């Protein structure tokens, strides 16, 4: 599942994870939170190499 649109909405607005998950049909807000965390971790690991 692509978390890019959710990450963009989260960065550019004050919408809650619950709202984003519901409107993008990405499951629960906790699942979305895990997806975004994994995306941040992946980005951080890429920048370290």
Protein backbone atom coordinates (compact mmCIF):
# COMPACT_ATOMS: atom_id res chain seq x y z
CA UNK A 1 0.00 0.00 0.00
CA UNK A 2 1.35 3.40 -0.97
CA UNK A 3 1.56 5.79 1.97
CA UNK A 4 2.80 8.75 -0.09
CA UNK A 5 -0.57 10.57 -0.40
CA UNK A 6 -1.21 10.10 3.31
CA UNK A 7 2.24 11.40 4.20
CA UNK A 8 1.68 14.46 2.01
CA UNK A 9 -1.70 15.21 3.60
CA UNK A 10 -0.23 14.72 7.08
CA UNK A 11 2.67 17.07 6.30
CA UNK A 12 0.62 19.82 4.65
CA UNK A 13 -2.52 19.85 6.82
CA UNK A 14 -3.69 19.44 10.38
CA UNK A 15 -5.96 16.51 9.55
CA UNK A 16 -5.82 13.65 12.05
CA UNK A 17 -4.54 10.19 11.20
CA UNK A 18 -8.09 8.92 11.77
CA UNK A 19 -9.46 11.34 9.18
CA UNK A 20 -6.73 10.54 6.64
CA UNK A 21 -7.08 6.78 7.07
CA UNK A 22 -10.84 6.97 6.68
CA UNK A 23 -10.90 9.25 3.64
CA UNK A 24 -8.10 7.43 1.80
CA UNK A 25 -9.56 4.05 2.82
CA UNK A 26 -6.27 2.88 4.30
CA UNK A 27 -7.64 0.90 7.24
CA UNK A 28 -7.30 1.98 10.83
CA UNK A 29 -5.39 5.05 11.95
CA UNK A 30 -2.94 2.79 13.81
CA UNK A 31 -2.19 0.90 10.60
CA UNK A 32 -1.60 4.21 8.83
CA UNK A 33 0.66 5.34 11.65
CA UNK A 34 2.75 2.19 11.21
CA UNK A 35 2.94 2.74 7.44
CA UNK A 36 4.11 6.33 7.89
CA UNK A 37 6.66 5.28 10.52
CA UNK A 38 8.07 2.64 8.19
CA UNK A 39 8.24 5.21 5.39
CA UNK A 40 10.18 7.62 7.64
CA UNK A 41 12.54 4.84 8.72
CA UNK A 42 13.16 3.80 5.11
CA UNK A 43 13.88 7.40 4.13
CA UNK A 44 16.27 7.83 7.08
CA UNK A 45 18.16 4.62 6.19
CA UNK A 46 18.52 5.76 2.56
CA UNK A 47 19.97 9.09 3.63
CA UNK A 48 22.55 7.38 5.89
CA UNK A 49 24.03 5.37 2.98
